[in-house]
Amino acid sequence: MDRKTKSKPVTFRLTAQEYEGLKQAAKDNGLSVSHYVTQHVMASKGLTLDQIRTIYHQLLKIKDYVQMEPQSKFASEIQAECDVIWQYLK
């Protein structure tokens, strides 16, 4: 997300132990605490935004490959299934 569009701060309280666990989880995932919390709060259907983006890019790769192999009798079905999967993730 573009940092310029983020204008609403959110504050919540944790115990010292909870905060240390949160910091460690963020560090383990290579994220700032803010980014880590944002990803998990905004997660859709149990997936983080990064996971959804990764799935979307993989679906695009599958669809691109299928378009290069139009003689396959399953090409249109595969493309349709990719679209269905994407709709579930929205």
PDB file of N, CA and C in Angstrom:
ATOM      1  N   MET A   1       0.837  -1.190   0.000  1.00  0.00           N
ATOM      2  CA  MET A   1       0.000   0.000   0.000  1.00  0.00           C
ATOM      3  C   MET A   1       0.876   1.246   0.000  1.00  0.00           C
ATOM      4  N   ASP A   2       0.374   2.263  -0.588  1.00  0.00           N
ATOM      5  CA  ASP A   2       1.094   3.519  -0.633  1.00  0.00           C
ATOM      6  C   ASP A   2       1.008   4.194   0.731  1.00  0.00           C
ATOM      7  N   ARG A   3       2.150   4.498   1.308  1.00  0.00           N
ATOM      8  CA  ARG A   3       2.207   5.089   2.638  1.00  0.00           C
ATOM      9  C   ARG A   3       1.443   6.413   2.706  1.00  0.00           C
ATOM     10  N   LYS A   4       1.401   7.156   1.592  1.00  0.00           N
ATOM     11  CA  LYS A   4       0.715   8.454   1.561  1.00  0.00           C
ATOM     12  C   LYS A   4      -0.776   8.308   1.845  1.00  0.00           C
ATOM     13  N   THR A   5      -1.363   7.172   1.483  1.00  0.00           N
ATOM     14  CA  THR A   5      -2.796   6.991   1.671  1.00  0.00           C
ATOM     15  C   THR A   5      -3.155   6.560   3.090  1.00  0.00           C
ATOM     16  N   LYS A   6      -2.181   6.175   3.869  1.00  0.00           N
ATOM     17  CA  LYS A   6      -2.445   5.749   5.244  1.00  0.00           C
ATOM     18  C   LYS A   6      -2.443   6.969   6.155  1.00  0.00           C
ATOM     19  N   SER A   7      -3.613   7.319   6.626  1.00  0.00           N
ATOM     20  CA  SER A   7      -3.699   8.527   7.444  1.00  0.00           C
ATOM     21  C   SER A   7      -4.403   8.297   8.780  1.00  0.00           C
ATOM     22  N   LYS A   8      -4.843   7.084   9.052  1.00  0.00           N
ATOM     23  CA  LYS A   8      -5.587   6.806  10.271  1.00  0.00           C
ATOM     24  C   LYS A   8      -4.770   5.923  11.209  1.00  0.00           C
ATOM     25  N   PRO A   9      -4.260   6.489  12.309  1.00  0.00           N
ATOM     26  CA  PRO A   9      -3.510   5.668  13.271  1.00  0.00           C
ATOM     27  C   PRO A   9      -4.473   4.816  14.109  1.00  0.00           C
ATOM     28  N   VAL A  10      -4.018   3.652  14.511  1.00  0.00           N
ATOM     29  CA  VAL A  10      -4.799   2.758  15.355  1.00  0.00           C
ATOM     30  C   VAL A  10      -3.945   2.409  16.564  1.00  0.00           C
ATOM     31  N   THR A  11      -4.551   2.479  17.743  1.00  0.00           N
ATOM     32  CA  THR A  11      -3.832   2.187  18.975  1.00  0.00           C
ATOM     33  C   THR A  11      -4.548   1.081  19.727  1.00  0.00           C
ATOM     34  N   PHE A  12      -3.800   0.139  20.257  1.00  0.00           N
ATOM     35  CA  PHE A  12      -4.377  -0.882  21.127  1.00  0.00           C
ATOM     36  C   PHE A  12      -3.334  -1.275  22.163  1.00  0.00           C
ATOM     37  N   ARG A  13      -3.783  -1.841  23.271  1.00  0.00           N
ATOM     38  CA  ARG A  13      -2.905  -2.159  24.384  1.00  0.00           C
ATOM     39  C   ARG A  13      -2.585  -3.647  24.438  1.00  0.00           C
ATOM     40  N   LEU A  14      -1.333  -3.934  24.792  1.00  0.00           N
ATOM     41  CA  LEU A  14      -0.861  -5.305  24.962  1.00  0.00           C
ATOM     42  C   LEU A  14      -0.076  -5.392  26.263  1.00  0.00           C
ATOM     43  N   THR A  15       0.034  -6.588  26.795  1.00  0.00           N
ATOM     44  CA  THR A  15       0.946  -6.787  27.917  1.00  0.00           C
ATOM     45  C   THR A  15       2.358  -6.768  27.350  1.00  0.00           C
ATOM     46  N   ALA A  16       3.334  -6.646  28.207  1.00  0.00           N
ATOM     47  CA  ALA A  16       4.736  -6.653  27.758  1.00  0.00           C
ATOM     48  C   ALA A  16       5.048  -7.969  27.045  1.00  0.00           C
ATOM     49  N   GLN A  17       4.520  -9.061  27.551  1.00  0.00           N
ATOM     50  CA  GLN A  17       4.761 -10.370  26.946  1.00  0.00           C
ATOM     51  C   GLN A  17       4.093 -10.468  25.570  1.00  0.00           C
ATOM     52  N   GLU A  18       2.869  -9.987  25.458  1.00  0.00           N
ATOM     53  CA  GLU A  18       2.174  -9.992  24.169  1.00  0.00           C
ATOM     54  C   GLU A  18       2.920  -9.146  23.147  1.00  0.00           C
ATOM     55  N   TYR A  19       3.405  -7.983  23.581  1.00  0.00           N
ATOM     56  CA  TYR A  19       4.120  -7.090  22.673  1.00  0.00           C
ATOM     57  C   TYR A  19       5.412  -7.739  22.176  1.00  0.00           C
ATOM     58  N   GLU A  20       6.138  -8.381  23.082  1.00  0.00           N
ATOM     59  CA  GLU A  20       7.377  -9.051  22.667  1.00  0.00           C
ATOM     60  C   GLU A  20       7.073 -10.171  21.675  1.00  0.00           C
ATOM     61  N   GLY A  21       5.988 -10.900  21.912  1.00  0.00           N
ATOM     62  CA  GLY A  21       5.589 -11.950  20.970  1.00  0.00           C
ATOM     63  C   GLY A  21       5.220 -11.385  19.613  1.00  0.00           C
ATOM     64  N   LEU A  22       4.534 -10.253  19.624  1.00  0.00           N
ATOM     65  CA  LEU A  22       4.152  -9.591  18.376  1.00  0.00           C
ATOM     66  C   LEU A  22       5.386  -9.116  17.620  1.00  0.00           C
ATOM     67  N   LYS A  23       6.314  -8.490  18.328  1.00  0.00           N
ATOM     68  CA  LYS A  23       7.549  -8.020  17.687  1.00  0.00           C
ATOM     69  C   LYS A  23       8.320  -9.190  17.083  1.00  0.00           C
ATOM     70  N   GLN A  24       8.386 -10.305  17.812  1.00  0.00           N
ATOM     71  CA  GLN A  24       9.131 -11.466  17.318  1.00  0.00           C
ATOM     72  C   GLN A  24       8.446 -12.065  16.092  1.00  0.00           C
ATOM     73  N   ALA A  25       7.125 -12.151  16.123  1.00  0.00           N
ATOM     74  CA  ALA A  25       6.389 -12.694  14.975  1.00  0.00           C
ATOM     75  C   ALA A  25       6.607 -11.827  13.738  1.00  0.00           C
ATOM     76  N   ALA A  26       6.562 -10.510  13.922  1.00  0.00           N
ATOM     77  CA  ALA A  26       6.799  -9.598  12.800  1.00  0.00           C
ATOM     78  C   ALA A  26       8.213  -9.784  12.262  1.00  0.00           C
ATOM     79  N   LYS A  27       9.179  -9.855  13.172  1.00  0.00           N
ATOM     80  CA  LYS A  27      10.585 -10.029  12.774  1.00  0.00           C
ATOM     81  C   LYS A  27      10.774 -11.351  12.031  1.00  0.00           C
ATOM     82  N   ASP A  28      10.164 -12.421  12.546  1.00  0.00           N
ATOM     83  CA  ASP A  28      10.267 -13.736  11.905  1.00  0.00           C
ATOM     84  C   ASP A  28       9.716 -13.726  10.483  1.00  0.00           C
ATOM     85  N   ASN A  29       8.763 -12.846  10.231  1.00  0.00           N
ATOM     86  CA  ASN A  29       8.167 -12.735   8.899  1.00  0.00           C
ATOM     87  C   ASN A  29       8.789 -11.636   8.058  1.00  0.00           C
ATOM     88  N   GLY A  30       9.820 -10.986   8.583  1.00  0.00           N
ATOM     89  CA  GLY A  30      10.514  -9.946   7.828  1.00  0.00           C
ATOM     90  C   GLY A  30       9.694  -8.685   7.642  1.00  0.00           C
ATOM     91  N   LEU A  31       8.797  -8.405   8.598  1.00  0.00           N
ATOM     92  CA  LEU A  31       7.913  -7.256   8.474  1.00  0.00           C
ATOM     93  C   LEU A  31       8.038  -6.349   9.688  1.00  0.00           C
ATOM     94  N   SER A  32       7.620  -5.107   9.503  1.00  0.00           N
ATOM     95  CA  SER A  32       7.498  -4.217  10.652  1.00  0.00           C
ATOM     96  C   SER A  32       6.274  -4.662  11.447  1.00  0.00           C
ATOM     97  N   VAL A  33       6.198  -4.250  12.692  1.00  0.00           N
ATOM     98  CA  VAL A  33       5.034  -4.586  13.508  1.00  0.00           C
ATOM     99  C   VAL A  33       3.770  -4.042  12.839  1.00  0.00           C
ATOM    100  N   SER A  34       3.828  -2.822  12.341  1.00  0.00           N
ATOM    101  CA  SER A  34       2.670  -2.206  11.702  1.00  0.00           C
ATOM    102  C   SER A  34       2.205  -3.016  10.492  1.00  0.00           C
ATOM    103  N   HIS A  35       3.141  -3.386   9.627  1.00  0.00           N
ATOM    104  CA  HIS A  35       2.789  -4.144   8.424  1.00  0.00           C
ATOM    105  C   HIS A  35       2.258  -5.522   8.803  1.00  0.00           C
ATOM    106  N   TYR A  36       2.877  -6.153   9.782  1.00  0.00           N
ATOM    107  CA  TYR A  36       2.448  -7.482  10.229  1.00  0.00           C
ATOM    108  C   TYR A  36       1.012  -7.444  10.745  1.00  0.00           C
ATOM    109  N   VAL A  37       0.721  -6.478  11.617  1.00  0.00           N
ATOM    110  CA  VAL A  37      -0.625  -6.357  12.173  1.00  0.00           C
ATOM    111  C   VAL A  37      -1.627  -6.030  11.061  1.00  0.00           C
ATOM    112  N   THR A  38      -1.276  -5.109  10.184  1.00  0.00           N
ATOM    113  CA  THR A  38      -2.173  -4.738   9.092  1.00  0.00           C
ATOM    114  C   THR A  38      -2.504  -5.946   8.228  1.00  0.00           C
ATOM    115  N   GLN A  39      -1.497  -6.732   7.873  1.00  0.00           N
ATOM    116  CA  GLN A  39      -1.737  -7.906   7.033  1.00  0.00           C
ATOM    117  C   GLN A  39      -2.705  -8.875   7.705  1.00  0.00           C
ATOM    118  N   HIS A  40      -2.517  -9.078   8.991  1.00  0.00           N
ATOM    119  CA  HIS A  40      -3.353 -10.062   9.672  1.00  0.00           C
ATOM    120  C   HIS A  40      -4.759  -9.540   9.963  1.00  0.00           C
ATOM    121  N   VAL A  41      -4.877  -8.283  10.222  1.00  0.00           N
ATOM    122  CA  VAL A  41      -6.201  -7.709  10.459  1.00  0.00           C
ATOM    123  C   VAL A  41      -7.001  -7.685   9.169  1.00  0.00           C
ATOM    124  N   MET A  42      -6.342  -7.372   8.070  1.00  0.00           N
ATOM    125  CA  MET A  42      -7.032  -7.241   6.790  1.00  0.00           C
ATOM    126  C   MET A  42      -7.116  -8.571   6.033  1.00  0.00           C
ATOM    127  N   ALA A  43      -6.669  -9.645   6.670  1.00  0.00           N
ATOM    128  CA  ALA A  43      -6.676 -10.950   6.007  1.00  0.00           C
ATOM    129  C   ALA A  43      -8.093 -11.331   5.594  1.00  0.00           C
ATOM    130  N   SER A  44      -8.167 -11.909   4.417  1.00  0.00           N
ATOM    131  CA  SER A  44      -9.465 -12.328   3.874  1.00  0.00           C
ATOM    132  C   SER A  44      -9.513 -13.849   3.846  1.00  0.00           C
ATOM    133  N   LYS A  45     -10.550 -14.425   4.424  1.00  0.00           N
ATOM    134  CA  LYS A  45     -10.729 -15.875   4.419  1.00  0.00           C
ATOM    135  C   LYS A  45      -9.509 -16.593   4.983  1.00  0.00           C
ATOM    136  N   GLY A  46      -8.882 -15.990   5.979  1.00  0.00           N
ATOM    137  CA  GLY A  46      -7.736 -16.619   6.628  1.00  0.00           C
ATOM    138  C   GLY A  46      -6.422 -16.422   5.905  1.00  0.00           C
ATOM    139  N   LEU A  47      -6.407 -15.643   4.842  1.00  0.00           N
ATOM    140  CA  LEU A  47      -5.184 -15.407   4.084  1.00  0.00           C
ATOM    141  C   LEU A  47      -4.759 -13.952   4.233  1.00  0.00           C
ATOM    142  N   THR A  48      -3.465 -13.741   4.295  1.00  0.00           N
ATOM    143  CA  THR A  48      -2.966 -12.377   4.335  1.00  0.00           C
ATOM    144  C   THR A  48      -3.025 -11.777   2.927  1.00  0.00           C
ATOM    145  N   LEU A  49      -2.896 -10.472   2.867  1.00  0.00           N
ATOM    146  CA  LEU A  49      -2.918  -9.804   1.560  1.00  0.00           C
ATOM    147  C   LEU A  49      -1.784 -10.294   0.669  1.00  0.00           C
ATOM    148  N   ASP A  50      -0.613 -10.521   1.245  1.00  0.00           N
ATOM    149  CA  ASP A  50       0.504 -11.031   0.443  1.00  0.00           C
ATOM    150  C   ASP A  50       0.208 -12.427  -0.101  1.00  0.00           C
ATOM    151  N   GLN A  51      -0.433 -13.267   0.695  1.00  0.00           N
ATOM    152  CA  GLN A  51      -0.785 -14.600   0.227  1.00  0.00           C
ATOM    153  C   GLN A  51      -1.806 -14.519  -0.909  1.00  0.00           C
ATOM    154  N   ILE A  52      -2.775 -13.638  -0.776  1.00  0.00           N
ATOM    155  CA  ILE A  52      -3.777 -13.463  -1.837  1.00  0.00           C
ATOM    156  C   ILE A  52      -3.100 -12.976  -3.110  1.00  0.00           C
ATOM    157  N   ARG A  53      -2.186 -12.028  -2.980  1.00  0.00           N
ATOM    158  CA  ARG A  53      -1.467 -11.533  -4.162  1.00  0.00           C
ATOM    159  C   ARG A  53      -0.663 -12.656  -4.823  1.00  0.00           C
ATOM    160  N   THR A  54      -0.024 -13.484  -4.013  1.00  0.00           N
ATOM    161  CA  THR A  54       0.765 -14.590  -4.551  1.00  0.00           C
ATOM    162  C   THR A  54      -0.129 -15.569  -5.310  1.00  0.00           C
ATOM    163  N   ILE A  55      -1.265 -15.904  -4.727  1.00  0.00           N
ATOM    164  CA  ILE A  55      -2.207 -16.802  -5.392  1.00  0.00           C
ATOM    165  C   ILE A  55      -2.684 -16.185  -6.700  1.00  0.00           C
ATOM    166  N   TYR A  56      -3.011 -14.903  -6.670  1.00  0.00           N
ATOM    167  CA  TYR A  56      -3.473 -14.219  -7.875  1.00  0.00           C
ATOM    168  C   TYR A  56      -2.419 -14.292  -8.989  1.00  0.00           C
ATOM    169  N   HIS A  57      -1.169 -14.038  -8.642  1.00  0.00           N
ATOM    170  CA  HIS A  57      -0.106 -14.086  -9.650  1.00  0.00           C
ATOM    171  C   HIS A  57       0.062 -15.511 -10.200  1.00  0.00           C
ATOM    172  N   GLN A  58      -0.095 -16.502  -9.355  1.00  0.00           N
ATOM    173  CA  GLN A  58      -0.004 -17.884  -9.833  1.00  0.00           C
ATOM    174  C   GLN A  58      -1.171 -18.219 -10.758  1.00  0.00           C
ATOM    175  N   LEU A  59      -2.357 -17.734 -10.418  1.00  0.00           N
ATOM    176  CA  LEU A  59      -3.511 -17.949 -11.299  1.00  0.00           C
ATOM    177  C   LEU A  59      -3.283 -17.295 -12.666  1.00  0.00           C
ATOM    178  N   LEU A  60      -2.705 -16.103 -12.655  1.00  0.00           N
ATOM    179  CA  LEU A  60      -2.404 -15.440 -13.936  1.00  0.00           C
ATOM    180  C   LEU A  60      -1.407 -16.251 -14.752  1.00  0.00           C
ATOM    181  N   LYS A  61      -0.410 -16.820 -14.109  1.00  0.00           N
ATOM    182  CA  LYS A  61       0.578 -17.652 -14.814  1.00  0.00           C
ATOM    183  C   LYS A  61      -0.094 -18.873 -15.431  1.00  0.00           C
ATOM    184  N   ILE A  62      -0.984 -19.488 -14.676  1.00  0.00           N
ATOM    185  CA  ILE A  62      -1.710 -20.661 -15.190  1.00  0.00           C
ATOM    186  C   ILE A  62      -2.536 -20.266 -16.406  1.00  0.00           C
ATOM    187  N   LYS A  63      -3.268 -19.165 -16.297  1.00  0.00           N
ATOM    188  CA  LYS A  63      -4.102 -18.719 -17.414  1.00  0.00           C
ATOM    189  C   LYS A  63      -3.255 -18.362 -18.637  1.00  0.00           C
ATOM    190  N   ASP A  64      -2.103 -17.717 -18.407  1.00  0.00           N
ATOM    191  CA  ASP A  64      -1.208 -17.385 -19.517  1.00  0.00           C
ATOM    192  C   ASP A  64      -0.713 -18.650 -20.208  1.00  0.00           C
ATOM    193  N   TYR A  65      -0.331 -19.646 -19.433  1.00  0.00           N
ATOM    194  CA  TYR A  65       0.158 -20.900 -20.013  1.00  0.00           C
ATOM    195  C   TYR A  65      -0.935 -21.579 -20.837  1.00  0.00           C
ATOM    196  N   VAL A  66      -2.139 -21.595 -20.284  1.00  0.00           N
ATOM    197  CA  VAL A  66      -3.257 -22.228 -20.988  1.00  0.00           C
ATOM    198  C   VAL A  66      -3.546 -21.501 -22.295  1.00  0.00           C
ATOM    199  N   GLN A  67      -3.420 -20.181 -22.309  1.00  0.00           N
ATOM    200  CA  GLN A  67      -3.658 -19.421 -23.548  1.00  0.00           C
ATOM    201  C   GLN A  67      -2.616 -19.759 -24.601  1.00  0.00           C
ATOM    202  N   MET A  68      -1.422 -20.157 -24.172  1.00  0.00           N
ATOM    203  CA  MET A  68      -0.379 -20.544 -25.123  1.00  0.00           C
ATOM    204  C   MET A  68      -0.604 -21.966 -25.643  1.00  0.00           C
ATOM    205  N   GLU A  69      -1.485 -22.714 -25.012  1.00  0.00           N
ATOM    206  CA  GLU A  69      -1.805 -24.084 -25.414  1.00  0.00           C
ATOM    207  C   GLU A  69      -3.306 -24.211 -25.705  1.00  0.00           C
ATOM    208  N   PRO A  70      -3.818 -23.427 -26.645  1.00  0.00           N
ATOM    209  CA  PRO A  70      -5.272 -23.401 -26.885  1.00  0.00           C
ATOM    210  C   PRO A  70      -5.832 -24.713 -27.418  1.00  0.00           C
ATOM    211  N   GLN A  71      -4.973 -25.580 -27.968  1.00  0.00           N
ATOM    212  CA  GLN A  71      -5.483 -26.836 -28.510  1.00  0.00           C
ATOM    213  C   GLN A  71      -5.879 -27.814 -27.413  1.00  0.00           C
ATOM    214  N   SER A  72      -5.501 -27.530 -26.180  1.00  0.00           N
ATOM    215  CA  SER A  72      -5.890 -28.405 -25.080  1.00  0.00           C
ATOM    216  C   SER A  72      -7.403 -28.381 -24.914  1.00  0.00           C
ATOM    217  N   LYS A  73      -7.990 -29.574 -24.796  1.00  0.00           N
ATOM    218  CA  LYS A  73      -9.442 -29.641 -24.662  1.00  0.00           C
ATOM    219  C   LYS A  73      -9.914 -29.119 -23.308  1.00  0.00           C
ATOM    220  N   PHE A  74      -8.995 -28.907 -22.375  1.00  0.00           N
ATOM    221  CA  PHE A  74      -9.352 -28.413 -21.053  1.00  0.00           C
ATOM    222  C   PHE A  74      -9.036 -26.933 -20.851  1.00  0.00           C
ATOM    223  N   ALA A  75      -8.525 -26.260 -21.876  1.00  0.00           N
ATOM    224  CA  ALA A  75      -8.073 -24.873 -21.738  1.00  0.00           C
ATOM    225  C   ALA A  75      -9.164 -23.954 -21.196  1.00  0.00           C
ATOM    226  N   SER A  76     -10.342 -24.002 -21.792  1.00  0.00           N
ATOM    227  CA  SER A  76     -11.400 -23.095 -21.347  1.00  0.00           C
ATOM    228  C   SER A  76     -11.869 -23.443 -19.934  1.00  0.00           C
ATOM    229  N   GLU A  77     -11.893 -24.734 -19.605  1.00  0.00           N
ATOM    230  CA  GLU A  77     -12.289 -25.153 -18.263  1.00  0.00           C
ATOM    231  C   GLU A  77     -11.270 -24.684 -17.213  1.00  0.00           C
ATOM    232  N   ILE A  78      -9.999 -24.790 -17.543  1.00  0.00           N
ATOM    233  CA  ILE A  78      -8.951 -24.351 -16.616  1.00  0.00           C
ATOM    234  C   ILE A  78      -9.045 -22.848 -16.385  1.00  0.00           C
ATOM    235  N   GLN A  79      -9.232 -22.093 -17.460  1.00  0.00           N
ATOM    236  CA  GLN A  79      -9.365 -20.649 -17.315  1.00  0.00           C
ATOM    237  C   GLN A  79     -10.580 -20.293 -16.468  1.00  0.00           C
ATOM    238  N   ALA A  80     -11.684 -20.973 -16.682  1.00  0.00           N
ATOM    239  CA  ALA A  80     -12.898 -20.712 -15.908  1.00  0.00           C
ATOM    240  C   ALA A  80     -12.678 -21.044 -14.430  1.00  0.00           C
ATOM    241  N   GLU A  81     -11.991 -22.132 -14.147  1.00  0.00           N
ATOM    242  CA  GLU A  81     -11.723 -22.503 -12.753  1.00  0.00           C
ATOM    243  C   GLU A  81     -10.805 -21.488 -12.070  1.00  0.00           C
ATOM    244  N   CYS A  82      -9.835 -20.958 -12.808  1.00  0.00           N
ATOM    245  CA  CYS A  82      -8.974 -19.907 -12.262  1.00  0.00           C
ATOM    246  C   CYS A  82      -9.810 -18.689 -11.874  1.00  0.00           C
ATOM    247  N   ASP A  83     -10.760 -18.351 -12.722  1.00  0.00           N
ATOM    248  CA  ASP A  83     -11.649 -17.219 -12.426  1.00  0.00           C
ATOM    249  C   ASP A  83     -12.492 -17.490 -11.185  1.00  0.00           C
ATOM    250  N   VAL A  84     -12.974 -18.718 -11.038  1.00  0.00           N
ATOM    251  CA  VAL A  84     -13.783 -19.079  -9.872  1.00  0.00           C
ATOM    252  C   VAL A  84     -12.949 -18.973  -8.606  1.00  0.00           C
ATOM    253  N   ILE A  85     -11.727 -19.479  -8.631  1.00  0.00           N
ATOM    254  CA  ILE A  85     -10.845 -19.397  -7.468  1.00  0.00           C
ATOM    255  C   ILE A  85     -10.627 -17.931  -7.088  1.00  0.00           C
ATOM    256  N   TRP A  86     -10.352 -17.097  -8.082  1.00  0.00           N
ATOM    257  CA  TRP A  86     -10.118 -15.678  -7.803  1.00  0.00           C
ATOM    258  C   TRP A  86     -11.339 -15.037  -7.159  1.00  0.00           C
ATOM    259  N   GLN A  87     -12.520 -15.383  -7.623  1.00  0.00           N
ATOM    260  CA  GLN A  87     -13.751 -14.817  -7.052  1.00  0.00           C
ATOM    261  C   GLN A  87     -13.912 -15.210  -5.592  1.00  0.00           C
ATOM    262  N   TYR A  88     -13.514 -16.412  -5.228  1.00  0.00           N
ATOM    263  CA  TYR A  88     -13.576 -16.830  -3.820  1.00  0.00           C
ATOM    264  C   TYR A  88     -12.641 -16.022  -2.947  1.00  0.00           C
ATOM    265  N   LEU A  89     -11.535 -15.569  -3.508  1.00  0.00           N
ATOM    266  CA  LEU A  89     -10.546 -14.831  -2.729  1.00  0.00           C
ATOM    267  C   LEU A  89     -10.867 -13.359  -2.581  1.00  0.00           C
ATOM    268  N   LYS A  90     -11.767 -12.847  -3.408  1.00  0.00           N
ATOM    269  CA  LYS A  90     -12.104 -11.416  -3.339  1.00  0.00           C
ATOM    270  C   LYS A  90     -12.838 -11.082  -2.065  1.00  0.00           C
TER     271      LYS A  90
END
